[in-house]
């Protein structure tokens, strides 16, 4: 029985990447897809962090379903990276 998908928007350096995935998928599972879709391939995945609209860091283990359908989250370089 296939699970339904949740749609969220990941913003990377001002570019939006619409992502569809299982609501049970952890946040880290969409990191590389968001980077690839926005052309941000110069830094490794370990150099990035997810934040909510208020700028609060999100745990990479957070399930996408907990963010809610249509959530808009931000993927930014960690402080001190890419200077």
N, C-alpha and C. Protein backbone atom coordinates (compact mmCIF):
# COMPACT_ATOMS: atom_id res chain seq x y z
N UNK A 1 0.85 -1.17 0.00
CA UNK A 1 0.00 0.00 0.00
C UNK A 1 0.90 1.24 0.00
N UNK A 2 0.89 2.04 -1.06
CA UNK A 2 1.75 3.22 -1.12
C UNK A 2 1.29 4.29 -0.14
N UNK A 3 2.27 4.96 0.47
CA UNK A 3 1.92 6.03 1.39
C UNK A 3 1.69 7.31 0.59
N UNK A 4 0.91 8.21 1.16
CA UNK A 4 0.69 9.47 0.48
C UNK A 4 1.92 10.35 0.61
N UNK A 5 1.96 11.38 -0.17
CA UNK A 5 3.10 12.29 -0.20
C UNK A 5 2.72 13.63 0.43
N UNK A 6 3.72 14.31 0.97
CA UNK A 6 3.53 15.64 1.50
C UNK A 6 4.37 16.59 0.63
N UNK A 7 3.84 17.76 0.37
CA UNK A 7 4.56 18.75 -0.43
C UNK A 7 5.02 19.88 0.47
N UNK A 8 6.32 20.16 0.40
CA UNK A 8 6.87 21.30 1.12
C UNK A 8 7.76 22.08 0.17
N UNK A 9 8.11 23.29 0.55
CA UNK A 9 9.00 24.12 -0.26
C UNK A 9 10.26 24.37 0.56
N UNK A 10 11.39 24.05 -0.04
CA UNK A 10 12.68 24.33 0.58
C UNK A 10 13.30 25.50 -0.18
N UNK A 11 13.67 26.56 0.55
CA UNK A 11 14.29 27.73 -0.06
C UNK A 11 15.78 27.67 0.21
N UNK A 12 16.57 27.65 -0.88
CA UNK A 12 18.03 27.59 -0.78
C UNK A 12 18.59 28.81 -1.51
N UNK A 13 19.25 29.69 -0.78
CA UNK A 13 19.82 30.90 -1.39
C UNK A 13 18.80 31.64 -2.25
N UNK A 14 17.59 31.75 -1.76
CA UNK A 14 16.54 32.48 -2.47
C UNK A 14 15.82 31.70 -3.55
N UNK A 15 16.27 30.50 -3.85
CA UNK A 15 15.63 29.67 -4.87
C UNK A 15 14.74 28.64 -4.21
N UNK A 16 13.52 28.52 -4.71
CA UNK A 16 12.58 27.56 -4.16
C UNK A 16 12.72 26.20 -4.84
N UNK A 17 12.66 25.17 -4.02
CA UNK A 17 12.67 23.80 -4.52
C UNK A 17 11.45 23.09 -3.93
N UNK A 18 10.39 22.91 -4.74
CA UNK A 18 9.25 22.14 -4.25
C UNK A 18 9.64 20.67 -4.12
N UNK A 19 9.34 20.09 -2.98
CA UNK A 19 9.73 18.70 -2.70
C UNK A 19 8.48 17.91 -2.29
N UNK A 20 8.33 16.73 -2.87
CA UNK A 20 7.28 15.79 -2.48
C UNK A 20 7.95 14.57 -1.89
N UNK A 21 7.50 14.17 -0.72
CA UNK A 21 8.09 13.00 -0.06
C UNK A 21 7.09 12.43 0.93
N UNK A 22 7.42 11.29 1.46
CA UNK A 22 6.58 10.66 2.48
C UNK A 22 6.57 11.52 3.74
N UNK A 23 5.41 11.67 4.38
CA UNK A 23 5.37 12.43 5.63
C UNK A 23 6.21 11.78 6.73
N UNK A 24 6.54 10.50 6.57
CA UNK A 24 7.36 9.80 7.55
C UNK A 24 8.85 9.97 7.30
N UNK A 25 9.21 10.57 6.16
CA UNK A 25 10.63 10.75 5.82
C UNK A 25 11.25 11.81 6.74
N UNK A 26 12.47 11.56 7.20
CA UNK A 26 13.14 12.57 8.02
C UNK A 26 13.66 13.72 7.14
N UNK A 27 13.81 14.86 7.75
CA UNK A 27 14.24 16.06 7.04
C UNK A 27 15.55 15.85 6.28
N UNK A 28 16.50 15.13 6.90
CA UNK A 28 17.79 14.93 6.23
C UNK A 28 17.66 14.21 4.89
N UNK A 29 16.57 13.48 4.69
CA UNK A 29 16.42 12.70 3.46
C UNK A 29 16.16 13.57 2.23
N UNK A 30 15.78 14.83 2.42
CA UNK A 30 15.51 15.70 1.27
C UNK A 30 16.60 16.75 1.06
N UNK A 31 17.61 16.76 1.91
CA UNK A 31 18.65 17.78 1.84
C UNK A 31 19.36 17.78 0.49
N UNK A 32 19.89 16.65 0.08
CA UNK A 32 20.64 16.60 -1.17
C UNK A 32 19.76 16.89 -2.38
N UNK A 33 18.51 16.46 -2.35
CA UNK A 33 17.59 16.75 -3.45
C UNK A 33 17.36 18.25 -3.57
N UNK A 34 17.16 18.93 -2.44
CA UNK A 34 16.95 20.38 -2.47
C UNK A 34 18.19 21.11 -2.99
N UNK A 35 19.37 20.66 -2.57
CA UNK A 35 20.60 21.29 -3.05
C UNK A 35 20.77 21.08 -4.55
N UNK A 36 20.52 19.86 -5.01
CA UNK A 36 20.67 19.55 -6.43
C UNK A 36 19.68 20.36 -7.28
N UNK A 37 18.43 20.43 -6.84
CA UNK A 37 17.40 21.12 -7.62
C UNK A 37 17.64 22.64 -7.70
N UNK A 38 18.39 23.18 -6.75
CA UNK A 38 18.67 24.62 -6.77
C UNK A 38 20.08 24.92 -7.26
N UNK A 39 20.81 23.89 -7.66
CA UNK A 39 22.15 24.08 -8.21
C UNK A 39 23.21 24.42 -7.17
N UNK A 40 22.94 24.14 -5.92
CA UNK A 40 23.89 24.42 -4.84
C UNK A 40 24.68 23.15 -4.52
N UNK A 41 25.70 22.90 -5.33
CA UNK A 41 26.44 21.66 -5.19
C UNK A 41 27.89 21.90 -4.78
N UNK A 42 28.26 23.14 -4.48
CA UNK A 42 29.65 23.47 -4.15
C UNK A 42 30.04 23.10 -2.73
N UNK A 43 29.08 22.98 -1.84
CA UNK A 43 29.35 22.64 -0.45
C UNK A 43 28.71 21.29 -0.14
N UNK A 44 29.38 20.50 0.67
CA UNK A 44 28.85 19.20 1.06
C UNK A 44 27.62 19.32 1.93
N UNK A 45 26.80 18.28 1.99
CA UNK A 45 25.56 18.30 2.78
C UNK A 45 25.77 18.61 4.25
N UNK A 46 26.93 18.25 4.80
CA UNK A 46 27.19 18.49 6.22
C UNK A 46 27.35 19.98 6.54
N UNK A 47 27.52 20.81 5.52
CA UNK A 47 27.72 22.24 5.74
C UNK A 47 26.42 23.04 5.75
N UNK A 48 25.30 22.36 5.64
CA UNK A 48 24.01 23.04 5.55
C UNK A 48 23.14 22.73 6.76
N UNK A 49 22.20 23.64 7.04
CA UNK A 49 21.24 23.41 8.11
C UNK A 49 19.88 23.94 7.69
N UNK A 50 18.84 23.26 8.16
CA UNK A 50 17.46 23.68 7.91
C UNK A 50 17.01 24.63 9.02
N UNK A 51 16.22 25.62 8.62
CA UNK A 51 15.62 26.56 9.57
C UNK A 51 14.17 26.79 9.19
N UNK A 52 13.37 27.12 10.19
CA UNK A 52 11.97 27.44 9.91
C UNK A 52 11.86 28.91 9.51
N UNK A 53 10.66 29.38 9.25
CA UNK A 53 10.45 30.75 8.78
C UNK A 53 10.89 31.79 9.81
N UNK A 54 10.93 31.42 11.09
CA UNK A 54 11.37 32.34 12.14
C UNK A 54 12.88 32.29 12.36
N UNK A 55 13.58 31.44 11.60
CA UNK A 55 15.02 31.34 11.73
C UNK A 55 15.50 30.34 12.76
N UNK A 56 14.58 29.57 13.32
CA UNK A 56 14.95 28.55 14.32
C UNK A 56 15.48 27.30 13.62
N UNK A 57 16.59 26.74 14.12
CA UNK A 57 17.13 25.53 13.51
C UNK A 57 16.17 24.35 13.66
N UNK A 58 16.14 23.51 12.65
CA UNK A 58 15.30 22.31 12.67
C UNK A 58 16.20 21.08 12.77
N UNK A 59 15.78 20.13 13.58
CA UNK A 59 16.51 18.89 13.74
C UNK A 59 16.40 18.06 12.46
N UNK A 60 17.52 17.50 12.01
CA UNK A 60 17.52 16.71 10.77
C UNK A 60 16.68 15.45 10.87
N UNK A 61 16.33 15.03 12.07
CA UNK A 61 15.50 13.85 12.26
C UNK A 61 14.01 14.15 12.25
N UNK A 62 13.64 15.43 12.15
CA UNK A 62 12.23 15.82 12.14
C UNK A 62 11.52 15.18 10.95
N UNK A 63 10.38 14.58 11.20
CA UNK A 63 9.59 13.99 10.12
C UNK A 63 8.92 15.11 9.32
N UNK A 64 8.88 14.95 8.02
CA UNK A 64 8.28 15.97 7.16
C UNK A 64 6.83 16.23 7.52
N UNK A 65 6.11 15.20 7.92
CA UNK A 65 4.71 15.37 8.30
C UNK A 65 4.54 16.32 9.47
N UNK A 66 5.53 16.38 10.36
CA UNK A 66 5.46 17.28 11.51
C UNK A 66 5.55 18.74 11.09
N UNK A 67 6.10 18.99 9.91
CA UNK A 67 6.22 20.36 9.42
C UNK A 67 4.90 20.85 8.84
N UNK A 68 4.09 19.92 8.36
CA UNK A 68 2.80 20.27 7.78
C UNK A 68 2.88 20.44 6.28
N UNK A 69 1.79 20.07 5.62
CA UNK A 69 1.73 20.21 4.15
C UNK A 69 1.86 21.67 3.78
N UNK A 70 2.63 21.93 2.75
CA UNK A 70 2.82 23.30 2.28
C UNK A 70 3.82 24.11 3.09
N UNK A 71 4.51 23.46 4.03
CA UNK A 71 5.50 24.17 4.85
C UNK A 71 6.57 24.79 3.96
N UNK A 72 7.09 25.91 4.41
CA UNK A 72 8.17 26.61 3.71
C UNK A 72 9.33 26.66 4.70
N UNK A 73 10.41 25.96 4.36
CA UNK A 73 11.58 25.93 5.23
C UNK A 73 12.80 26.40 4.46
N UNK A 74 13.84 26.73 5.17
CA UNK A 74 15.02 27.33 4.57
C UNK A 74 16.24 26.47 4.84
N UNK A 75 17.06 26.30 3.80
CA UNK A 75 18.29 25.54 3.89
C UNK A 75 19.43 26.52 3.68
N UNK A 76 20.21 26.73 4.74
CA UNK A 76 21.28 27.73 4.73
C UNK A 76 22.61 27.09 5.08
N UNK A 77 23.68 27.71 4.59
CA UNK A 77 25.01 27.28 5.03
C UNK A 77 25.12 27.55 6.53
N UNK A 78 25.78 26.66 7.24
CA UNK A 78 26.01 26.86 8.66
C UNK A 78 26.93 28.07 8.84
N UNK A 79 26.82 28.72 9.98
CA UNK A 79 27.65 29.89 10.27
C UNK A 79 29.12 29.56 10.13
N UNK A 80 29.85 30.45 9.49
CA UNK A 80 31.28 30.26 9.32
C UNK A 80 31.67 29.43 8.12
N UNK A 81 30.70 28.95 7.35
CA UNK A 81 30.98 28.12 6.17
C UNK A 81 30.81 28.97 4.92
N UNK A 82 31.71 28.80 3.98
CA UNK A 82 31.56 29.42 2.67
C UNK A 82 32.05 30.86 2.58
N UNK A 83 32.60 31.41 3.67
CA UNK A 83 33.04 32.78 3.77
C UNK A 83 33.80 33.26 2.66
